Protein backbone atom coordinates (compact mmCIF):
# COMPACT_ATOMS: atom_id res chain seq x y z
CA UNK A 1 0.00 0.00 0.00
CA UNK A 2 1.42 3.39 -0.99
CA UNK A 3 1.81 6.08 1.65
CA UNK A 4 0.49 9.62 1.61
CA UNK A 5 1.51 12.33 4.06
CA UNK A 6 -0.70 15.37 4.68
CA UNK A 7 0.02 18.47 6.71
CA UNK A 8 -3.09 19.69 8.52
CA UNK A 9 -3.45 23.38 7.74
CA UNK A 10 -6.59 24.39 9.65
CA UNK A 11 -7.60 23.85 13.27
CA UNK A 12 -10.87 24.61 15.05
CA UNK A 13 -11.21 27.98 16.74
CA UNK A 14 -14.35 28.71 18.78
CA UNK A 15 -15.43 31.54 21.04
CA UNK A 16 -15.67 31.21 24.82
CA UNK A 17 -19.33 32.23 25.03
CA UNK A 18 -21.02 28.82 24.76
CA UNK A 19 -23.89 29.11 27.22
CA UNK A 20 -24.57 25.37 27.37
CA UNK A 21 -21.05 24.81 28.64
CA UNK A 22 -20.78 27.92 30.78
CA UNK A 23 -23.77 26.96 32.94
CA UNK A 24 -22.24 23.57 33.78
CA UNK A 25 -19.97 22.77 36.72
CA UNK A 26 -16.25 22.86 35.85
CA UNK A 27 -14.87 19.69 34.28
CA UNK A 28 -11.25 18.55 34.10
CA UNK A 29 -10.41 17.53 30.50
CA UNK A 30 -8.53 14.34 29.73
CA UNK A 31 -4.77 14.87 29.29
CA UNK A 32 -3.19 15.86 26.00
CA UNK A 33 -1.33 13.14 24.10
CA UNK A 34 2.33 13.40 25.06
CA UNK A 35 3.85 10.11 23.89
CA UNK A 36 3.94 7.64 21.02
CA UNK A 37 1.08 5.14 21.25
CA UNK A 38 -0.11 2.25 19.12
CA UNK A 39 -3.75 1.34 18.67
CA UNK A 40 -5.98 -0.91 16.63
CA UNK A 41 -8.33 1.98 15.86
CA UNK A 42 -7.90 5.75 15.86
CA UNK A 43 -10.96 8.02 15.90
CA UNK A 44 -10.27 11.66 15.08
CA UNK A 45 -12.88 14.00 16.52
CA UNK A 46 -14.77 13.64 19.82
CA UNK A 47 -18.14 15.07 18.84
CA UNK A 48 -21.38 13.16 18.35
CA UNK A 49 -20.02 10.96 15.55
CA UNK A 50 -16.59 10.35 17.05
CA UNK A 51 -17.84 9.43 20.52
CA UNK A 52 -20.49 7.10 19.08
CA UNK A 53 -17.87 5.49 16.83
CA UNK A 54 -15.31 4.99 19.60
CA UNK A 55 -17.92 3.57 21.96
CA UNK A 56 -19.29 1.17 19.33
CA UNK A 57 -15.77 0.00 18.42
CA UNK A 58 -15.21 -0.83 22.08
CA UNK A 59 -18.47 -2.80 22.15
CA UNK A 60 -17.63 -4.66 18.94
CA UNK A 61 -13.97 -5.28 19.78
CA UNK A 62 -13.50 -5.45 23.56
CA UNK A 63 -10.01 -6.92 23.12
CA UNK A 64 -8.83 -4.10 20.82
CA UNK A 65 -7.35 -0.73 21.74
CA UNK A 66 -9.12 2.42 20.60
CA UNK A 67 -7.68 5.95 20.72
CA UNK A 68 -9.88 9.01 20.22
CA UNK A 69 -8.39 12.49 19.95
CA UNK A 70 -9.87 15.96 19.73
CA UNK A 71 -8.14 19.25 19.00
CA UNK A 72 -10.20 20.96 21.71
CA UNK A 73 -11.79 20.07 25.01
CA UNK A 74 -14.86 17.90 24.56
CA UNK A 75 -17.85 20.23 24.30
CA UNK A 76 -15.83 23.21 23.05
CA UNK A 77 -16.58 22.47 19.40
CA UNK A 78 -19.72 22.21 17.31
CA UNK A 79 -21.17 19.25 19.26
CA UNK A 80 -21.44 21.30 22.46
CA UNK A 81 -22.98 24.29 20.70
CA UNK A 82 -26.06 22.91 18.98
CA UNK A 83 -29.64 23.55 20.07
CA UNK A 84 -29.83 20.10 21.66
CA UNK A 85 -32.55 18.53 19.48
CA UNK A 86 -32.26 14.80 18.81
CA UNK A 87 -34.71 15.04 15.92
CA UNK A 88 -36.89 11.96 15.79
CA UNK A 89 -38.40 12.48 12.34
CA UNK A 90 -37.22 12.91 8.76
CA UNK A 91 -35.92 16.42 8.28
CA UNK A 92 -37.83 19.02 6.34
CA UNK A 93 -34.63 20.13 4.55
CA UNK A 94 -32.93 17.92 1.96
CA UNK A 95 -33.84 14.60 0.41
CA UNK A 96 -35.50 12.98 3.44
CA UNK A 97 -39.02 13.69 2.18
CA UNK A 98 -38.51 13.21 -1.56
CA UNK A 99 -40.23 9.80 -1.56
CA UNK A 100 -42.02 7.59 0.92
CA UNK A 101 -39.04 5.23 0.83
CA UNK A 102 -36.56 8.01 1.66
CA UNK A 103 -38.82 9.27 4.45
CA UNK A 104 -39.05 5.79 5.97
CA UNK A 105 -35.28 5.35 5.73
CA UNK A 106 -34.67 8.71 7.40
CA UNK A 107 -37.14 7.83 10.16
CA UNK A 108 -35.50 4.45 10.83
CA UNK A 109 -32.07 6.06 11.05
CA UNK A 110 -33.17 8.94 13.29
CA UNK A 111 -35.09 6.50 15.53
CA UNK A 112 -31.95 4.31 15.72
CA UNK A 113 -29.88 7.31 16.86
CA UNK A 114 -32.51 8.49 19.33
CA UNK A 115 -32.77 5.08 20.97
CA UNK A 116 -28.98 4.89 21.26
CA UNK A 117 -28.71 8.33 22.87
CA UNK A 118 -31.63 7.63 25.23
CA UNK A 119 -30.11 4.35 26.39
CA UNK A 120 -26.60 5.80 26.71
CA UNK A 121 -27.78 8.68 28.89
CA UNK A 122 -29.95 6.43 31.07
CA UNK A 123 -27.44 3.61 31.50
CA UNK A 124 -24.56 5.96 32.34
CA UNK A 125 -26.59 8.45 34.37
CA UNK A 126 -25.37 11.37 32.23
CA UNK A 127 -26.78 14.56 33.74
CA UNK A 128 -27.77 16.47 30.61
CA UNK A 129 -31.41 17.38 31.24
CA UNK A 130 -32.65 14.91 28.62
CA UNK A 131 -36.36 14.44 28.06
CA UNK A 132 -38.55 13.08 25.28
CA UNK A 133 -40.42 16.34 24.86
CA UNK A 134 -41.07 16.36 21.14
CA UNK A 135 -40.78 19.30 18.76
CA UNK A 136 -43.13 21.98 17.50
CA UNK A 137 -42.38 22.87 13.90
CA UNK A 138 -43.90 26.30 13.36
CA UNK A 139 -44.90 28.56 10.47
CA UNK A 140 -46.27 32.09 10.05
CA UNK A 141 -46.65 32.72 6.32
CA UNK A 142 -49.02 31.01 3.86
CA UNK A 143 -46.04 29.36 2.15
CA UNK A 144 -44.74 28.13 5.49
CA UNK A 145 -48.15 26.79 6.49
CA UNK A 146 -48.33 24.83 3.24
CA UNK A 147 -44.91 23.32 3.93
CA UNK A 148 -46.06 22.44 7.42
CA UNK A 149 -49.20 20.70 6.16
CA UNK A 150 -47.09 18.78 3.63
CA UNK A 151 -44.74 17.71 6.43
CA UNK A 152 -47.69 16.55 8.54
CA UNK A 153 -49.10 14.57 5.60
CA UNK A 154 -45.74 12.93 4.98
CA UNK A 155 -45.47 11.92 8.64
CA UNK A 156 -48.96 10.46 8.65
CA UNK A 157 -48.21 8.52 5.45
CA UNK A 158 -45.22 6.74 6.97
CA UNK A 159 -46.92 6.13 10.30
CA UNK A 160 -45.07 8.74 12.41
CA UNK A 161 -47.20 10.30 15.13
CA UNK A 162 -47.91 13.91 14.16
CA UNK A 163 -50.44 16.54 15.22
CA UNK A 164 -51.39 19.89 13.71
CA UNK A 165 -51.87 22.44 16.50
CA UNK A 166 -53.80 25.70 16.14
CA UNK A 167 -52.72 29.03 17.60
CA UNK A 168 -55.30 28.97 20.37
CA UNK A 169 -53.89 25.66 21.63
CA UNK A 170 -50.25 26.72 21.13
CA UNK A 171 -50.70 29.52 23.64
CA UNK A 172 -51.34 26.94 26.33
CA UNK A 173 -48.51 24.67 25.20
CA UNK A 174 -45.61 26.99 24.35
CA UNK A 175 -46.70 30.23 26.03
CA UNK A 176 -46.88 32.43 22.92
CA UNK A 177 -49.44 33.42 20.29
CA UNK A 178 -46.71 34.42 17.83
CA UNK A 179 -47.31 31.39 15.61
CA UNK A 180 -50.68 30.69 13.98
CA UNK A 181 -50.01 26.99 13.49
CA UNK A 182 -47.55 24.24 14.38
CA UNK A 183 -46.98 20.56 13.76
CA UNK A 184 -46.10 18.59 16.88
CA UNK A 185 -44.14 15.33 16.68
CA UNK A 186 -43.47 13.69 20.07
CA UNK A 187 -40.40 11.53 19.40
CA UNK A 188 -37.71 14.25 19.54
CA UNK A 189 -35.37 14.32 22.56
CA UNK A 190 -34.15 17.59 24.03
CA UNK A 191 -30.95 17.89 26.07
CA UNK A 192 -27.98 20.08 26.96
CA UNK A 193 -25.54 19.09 24.18
CA UNK A 194 -22.37 20.11 26.03
CA UNK A 195 -23.37 18.12 29.11
CA UNK A 196 -24.23 15.14 26.91
CA UNK A 197 -20.90 14.91 25.07
CA UNK A 198 -18.88 15.59 28.22
CA UNK A 199 -20.77 12.93 30.14
CA UNK A 200 -20.39 10.50 27.23
CA UNK A 201 -16.64 11.21 27.02
CA UNK A 202 -16.19 10.65 30.75
CA UNK A 203 -17.93 7.26 30.66
CA UNK A 204 -16.24 5.58 27.68
CA UNK A 205 -15.24 1.91 28.09
CA UNK A 206 -11.83 1.02 29.49
CA UNK A 207 -10.28 0.09 26.14
CA UNK A 208 -10.97 3.60 24.77
CA UNK A 209 -8.28 6.19 25.48
CA UNK A 210 -9.38 9.80 24.99
CA UNK A 211 -6.92 12.65 24.53
CA UNK A 212 -8.26 16.20 24.57
CA UNK A 213 -6.55 19.41 23.41
CA UNK A 214 -4.68 17.15 20.98
CA UNK A 215 -4.61 18.57 17.48
CA UNK A 216 -3.39 16.37 14.65
CA UNK A 217 -0.76 18.37 12.75
CA UNK A 218 0.28 15.68 10.25
CA UNK A 219 -1.26 12.42 9.10
CA UNK A 220 0.34 9.68 7.05
CA UNK A 221 -1.86 7.11 5.34
CA UNK A 222 -0.49 3.68 4.51
CA UNK A 223 -0.55 0.15 5.89
CA UNK A 224 -0.73 1.86 9.25
CA UNK A 225 -2.07 5.37 9.80
CA UNK A 226 0.31 7.67 11.68
CA UNK A 227 -1.12 10.83 13.20
CA UNK A 228 1.39 13.30 14.61
CA UNK A 229 0.65 15.96 17.22
CA UNK A 230 2.82 18.61 18.84
CA UNK A 231 3.86 16.25 21.63
CA UNK A 232 3.07 12.74 20.47
CA UNK A 233 2.02 10.31 17.77
CA UNK A 234 -0.63 7.63 17.25
CA UNK A 235 0.00 4.65 15.00
CA UNK A 236 -3.20 2.75 14.18
CA UNK A 237 -4.29 -0.04 11.89
CA UNK A 238 -7.55 1.74 11.00
CA UNK A 239 -8.85 5.30 11.36
CA UNK A 240 -12.32 6.82 11.47
CA UNK A 241 -12.52 10.48 10.48
CA UNK A 242 -15.22 12.28 12.47
CA UNK A 243 -13.97 15.77 11.72
CA UNK A 244 -16.94 17.26 9.84
CA UNK A 245 -15.93 20.51 8.10
CA UNK A 246 -12.23 19.67 8.41
CA UNK A 247 -12.46 16.52 6.27
CA UNK A 248 -10.69 18.16 3.33
CA UNK A 249 -7.72 18.96 5.59
CA UNK A 250 -7.40 15.22 6.13
CA UNK A 251 -7.44 14.55 2.38
CA UNK A 252 -11.08 13.60 1.85
CA UNK A 253 -14.15 15.30 0.34
CA UNK A 254 -12.07 18.14 -1.07
CA UNK A 255 -14.27 20.87 -2.56
CA UNK A 256 -17.39 18.98 -1.48
CA UNK A 257 -18.17 20.36 2.00
CA UNK A 258 -18.67 23.94 3.16
CA UNK A 259 -19.54 25.47 6.53
CA UNK A 260 -22.01 27.97 7.94
CA UNK A 261 -21.56 29.86 11.19
CA UNK A 262 -24.77 29.94 13.27
CA UNK A 263 -25.51 32.13 16.30
CA UNK A 264 -27.27 31.28 19.56
CA UNK A 265 -28.14 33.00 22.82
CA UNK A 266 -29.27 31.82 26.24
CA UNK A 267 -31.14 34.05 28.69
CA UNK A 268 -30.78 34.32 32.41
CA UNK A 269 -32.95 32.00 34.46
CA UNK A 270 -36.55 33.14 34.65
CA UNK A 271 -38.08 33.67 38.06
CA UNK A 272 -41.01 31.63 39.32
CA UNK A 273 -43.22 34.69 38.79
CA UNK A 274 -42.06 35.04 35.18
CA UNK A 275 -42.71 31.36 34.56
CA UNK A 276 -46.20 31.80 36.03
CA UNK A 277 -46.83 34.68 33.63
CA UNK A 278 -46.09 32.24 30.82
CA UNK A 279 -48.55 29.72 32.19
CA UNK A 280 -46.10 27.67 34.23
CA UNK A 281 -42.79 25.96 33.53
CA UNK A 282 -43.13 23.29 30.86
CA UNK A 283 -40.14 22.50 28.68
CA UNK A 284 -40.58 22.66 24.92
CA UNK A 285 -38.62 22.98 21.68
CA UNK A 286 -39.54 24.91 18.53
CA UNK A 287 -38.09 24.43 15.06
CA UNK A 288 -38.92 26.75 12.15
CA UNK A 289 -40.29 25.23 8.97
CA UNK A 290 -38.12 27.86 7.24
CA UNK A 291 -34.39 27.40 7.67
CA UNK A 292 -33.69 30.73 5.99
CA UNK A 293 -35.28 33.19 8.40
CA UNK A 294 -36.99 31.43 11.30
CA UNK A 295 -35.71 30.91 14.83
CA UNK A 296 -35.05 27.74 16.79
CA UNK A 297 -36.27 28.12 20.37
CA UNK A 298 -36.26 26.17 23.60
CA UNK A 299 -37.54 26.59 27.12
CA UNK A 300 -35.08 24.56 29.20
CA UNK A 301 -35.32 22.49 32.33
CA UNK A 302 -33.55 25.24 34.32
CA UNK A 303 -36.01 27.97 33.19
CA UNK A 304 -33.97 29.61 30.44
CA UNK A 305 -34.93 30.57 26.90
CA UNK A 306 -32.62 29.53 24.09
CA UNK A 307 -32.75 31.12 20.66
CA UNK A 308 -30.74 30.24 17.58
CA UNK A 309 -31.16 32.65 14.68
CA UNK A 310 -28.85 34.16 12.11
CA UNK A 311 -26.05 32.61 10.10
CA UNK A 312 -23.36 33.43 7.60
CA UNK A 313 -21.09 31.65 5.20
CA UNK A 314 -17.87 30.60 6.91
CA UNK A 315 -15.06 30.88 4.41
CA UNK A 316 -12.79 29.78 7.26
CA UNK A 317 -13.27 28.74 10.88
CA UNK A 318 -11.54 31.83 12.25
CA UNK A 319 -13.60 33.60 14.90
CA UNK A 320 -14.58 37.24 15.08
CA UNK A 321 -16.47 38.32 18.21
CA UNK A 322 -16.97 41.90 17.04
CA UNK A 323 -20.62 41.42 16.05
CA UNK A 324 -21.80 39.33 19.01
CA UNK A 325 -23.29 42.30 20.89
CA UNK A 326 -25.49 43.15 17.92
CA UNK A 327 -26.49 39.52 17.55
CA UNK A 328 -27.46 39.33 21.23
CA UNK A 329 -29.58 42.47 20.83
CA UNK A 330 -31.30 41.01 17.77
CA UNK A 331 -31.98 37.78 19.64
CA UNK A 332 -33.44 39.73 22.56
CA UNK A 333 -35.77 41.62 20.22
CA UNK A 334 -36.95 38.35 18.67
CA UNK A 335 -37.63 36.83 22.08
CA UNK A 336 -39.51 39.93 23.26
CA UNK A 337 -41.70 39.79 20.14
CA UNK A 338 -42.64 36.22 21.04
CA UNK A 339 -42.94 36.69 24.81
CA UNK A 340 -43.97 40.33 25.43
CA UNK A 341 -44.93 39.64 29.08
CA UNK A 342 -41.22 39.16 29.89
CA UNK A 343 -40.44 42.87 30.20
CA UNK A 344 -37.06 42.49 31.89
CA UNK A 345 -35.61 39.64 29.84
CA UNK A 346 -31.81 39.54 29.62
CA UNK A 347 -29.35 37.63 27.46
CA UNK A 348 -26.53 36.04 29.48
CA UNK A 349 -24.63 34.07 26.82
CA UNK A 350 -24.19 34.49 23.06
CA UNK A 351 -22.05 32.20 20.94
CA UNK A 352 -21.61 30.70 17.52
CA UNK A 353 -21.07 27.23 16.15
CA UNK A 354 -20.35 25.71 12.76
CA UNK A 355 -22.40 23.28 10.76
CA UNK A 356 -21.04 21.47 7.73
CA UNK A 357 -23.11 21.02 4.60
CA UNK A 358 -22.86 19.55 1.16
CA UNK A 359 -24.49 20.97 -1.94
CA UNK A 360 -26.88 18.00 -2.16
CA UNK A 361 -27.40 17.67 1.64
CA UNK A 362 -25.55 14.34 1.63
CA UNK A 363 -23.55 12.65 4.38
CA UNK A 364 -19.85 11.98 3.90
CA UNK A 365 -20.08 8.37 5.01
CA UNK A 366 -18.22 5.24 4.01
CA UNK A 367 -14.90 3.54 3.45
CA UNK A 368 -12.41 5.88 1.82
CA UNK A 369 -9.45 3.47 1.49
CA UNK A 370 -8.56 0.03 2.85
CA UNK A 371 -8.21 1.36 6.40
CA UNK A 372 -9.81 4.84 6.37
CA UNK A 373 -13.50 5.41 7.15
CA UNK A 374 -15.53 8.60 7.40
CA UNK A 375 -18.64 9.91 9.15
CA UNK A 376 -18.70 13.63 8.37
CA UNK A 377 -21.02 16.38 7.10
CA UNK A 378 -24.26 16.03 9.07
CA UNK A 379 -25.89 19.01 7.31
CA UNK A 380 -27.15 20.68 10.48
CA UNK A 381 -28.74 17.59 12.09
CA UNK A 382 -25.70 16.62 14.13
CA UNK A 383 -27.13 14.82 17.14
CA UNK A 384 -29.08 12.26 15.15
CA UNK A 385 -27.06 12.03 11.92
CA UNK A 386 -23.74 12.28 13.72
CA UNK A 387 -24.74 9.50 16.10
CA UNK A 388 -25.99 7.01 13.55
CA UNK A 389 -23.20 7.71 11.07
CA UNK A 390 -20.60 7.23 13.82
CA UNK A 391 -22.17 3.98 14.95
CA UNK A 392 -22.40 2.62 11.43
CA UNK A 393 -18.86 3.73 10.53
CA UNK A 394 -17.63 1.75 13.53
CA UNK A 395 -19.62 -1.29 12.45
CA UNK A 396 -18.24 -0.97 8.95
CA UNK A 397 -14.65 -0.64 10.21
CA UNK A 398 -14.93 -3.59 12.59
CA UNK A 399 -16.79 -5.91 10.23
CA UNK A 400 -20.02 -6.02 12.21
CA UNK A 401 -23.10 -6.71 10.09
CA UNK A 402 -25.78 -4.06 10.23
CA UNK A 403 -28.51 -3.68 7.63
CA UNK A 404 -28.51 0.09 8.09
CA UNK A 405 -24.97 0.29 6.65
CA UNK A 406 -26.19 -0.64 3.20
CA UNK A 407 -28.92 1.97 3.44
CA UNK A 408 -26.33 4.67 4.06
CA UNK A 409 -23.90 3.35 1.46
CA UNK A 410 -26.70 3.44 -1.09
CA UNK A 411 -27.19 7.17 -0.65
CA UNK A 412 -25.58 9.88 -2.75
CA UNK A 413 -22.21 11.22 -1.61
CA UNK A 414 -21.45 14.95 -1.36
CA UNK A 415 -21.12 16.39 -4.86
CA UNK A 416 -18.45 18.78 -6.05
CA UNK A 417 -18.77 22.46 -5.20
CA UNK A 418 -18.01 25.44 -7.46
CA UNK A 419 -14.45 26.76 -7.08
CA UNK A 420 -13.74 29.78 -4.93
CA UNK A 421 -14.54 32.65 -5.09
CA UNK A 422 -17.68 31.53 -6.93
CA UNK A 423 -18.57 29.29 -3.97
CA UNK A 424 -18.34 32.24 -1.54
CA UNK A 425 -20.49 34.44 -3.78
CA UNK A 426 -23.01 31.71 -4.49
CA UNK A 427 -23.56 30.61 -0.89
CA UNK A 428 -23.73 34.19 0.39
CA UNK A 429 -26.21 35.14 -2.33
CA UNK A 430 -28.36 32.07 -1.65
CA UNK A 431 -28.43 32.82 2.08
CA UNK A 432 -29.43 36.43 1.41
CA UNK A 433 -32.16 35.31 -1.00
CA UNK A 434 -33.64 32.88 1.53
CA UNK A 435 -33.46 35.47 4.32
CA UNK A 436 -35.37 37.97 2.14
CA UNK A 437 -37.97 35.66 0.62
CA UNK A 438 -38.66 33.92 3.95
CA UNK A 439 -38.49 37.06 6.11
CA UNK A 440 -42.14 36.66 7.09
CA UNK A 441 -41.13 33.63 9.18
CA UNK A 442 -38.63 35.60 11.28
């Protein structure tokens, strides 16, 4: 087998404002790799996909050694910054709903991931506020309402429990009359994503060795994969890449994956009186039927409001905090429009996170070479797609039979993107067009 050596040019860089993480008790990260180690399997990336992959490898191969490394602390990256929805239905964006067959496949996969996360949290007593609370997909405009009715019809056709909810009933359920209609599906889990991945990382089996703050600077592919860091090296027989938007840096999916930077805020805790003004404290999660202008919202188990709204094309993963104050103000205005009785609402945390997408909303899943496997590019549905793609990549790499593998391998791979700067112009223009045409959903 010929060898190929690649220098890793880009590393993750995230702000320190992640509210999900900042409200948690302090956690001591696992040590950085500082020696030369040998392993049967190396997993690069300790997010949803990487943790699921490493854990499944340990289950499949209890006599094998597994190393998992992450360039940051677990929870610092994209996995700890999501809105915490383990979506239990096919997604309204992409190819999930093109046919009844694709919808059923998407439902089976999301259900598979949800069951795995539910069982992992319960069995390991991970304190992440998880509950099967469902999701309200909401719409305001006539176009959005039509999309919502189509989604409801698709769910009913494949046998997924789904309920259309009128505005008068929504007031009682989610404490706002801002939305005239919603579609409720009960199978979605809600949790604190940073607490989930940190708890998962701290309860990995004994034959999994996790190294945090360990950035791979060079990787050599060959009969064995050699990954070099500033202070150490891992030599492994097989590697699973769970690096999402950094896949091209590791030599795979070049010019096929791009990233968006999304912005979120978390309020202070509401008082008991404020909760009473909203009709009591009942957790819920809201997803917009429009991904271009709507807001994702949650009312959390510790009486906070989460909002995720606003995004931009990320030509690189370099951070700029200069606009966060304006973003927090915009988020506050959006929350006040939805909950006008909360006259003294305050934002405590504002942060961003990256999602990786392909032009055709396809996963980067499969066997890349004899000993290299990938589970990248979850297209904004990280908790469910990251989990099932990580599990199935581990099964594929360890030779475990699983009928769901063939379903994923039968799907389209990420297609080639236009070259830069046309990609930058095209994505930015498309985002602006969606924001304008779907502004009624904001």
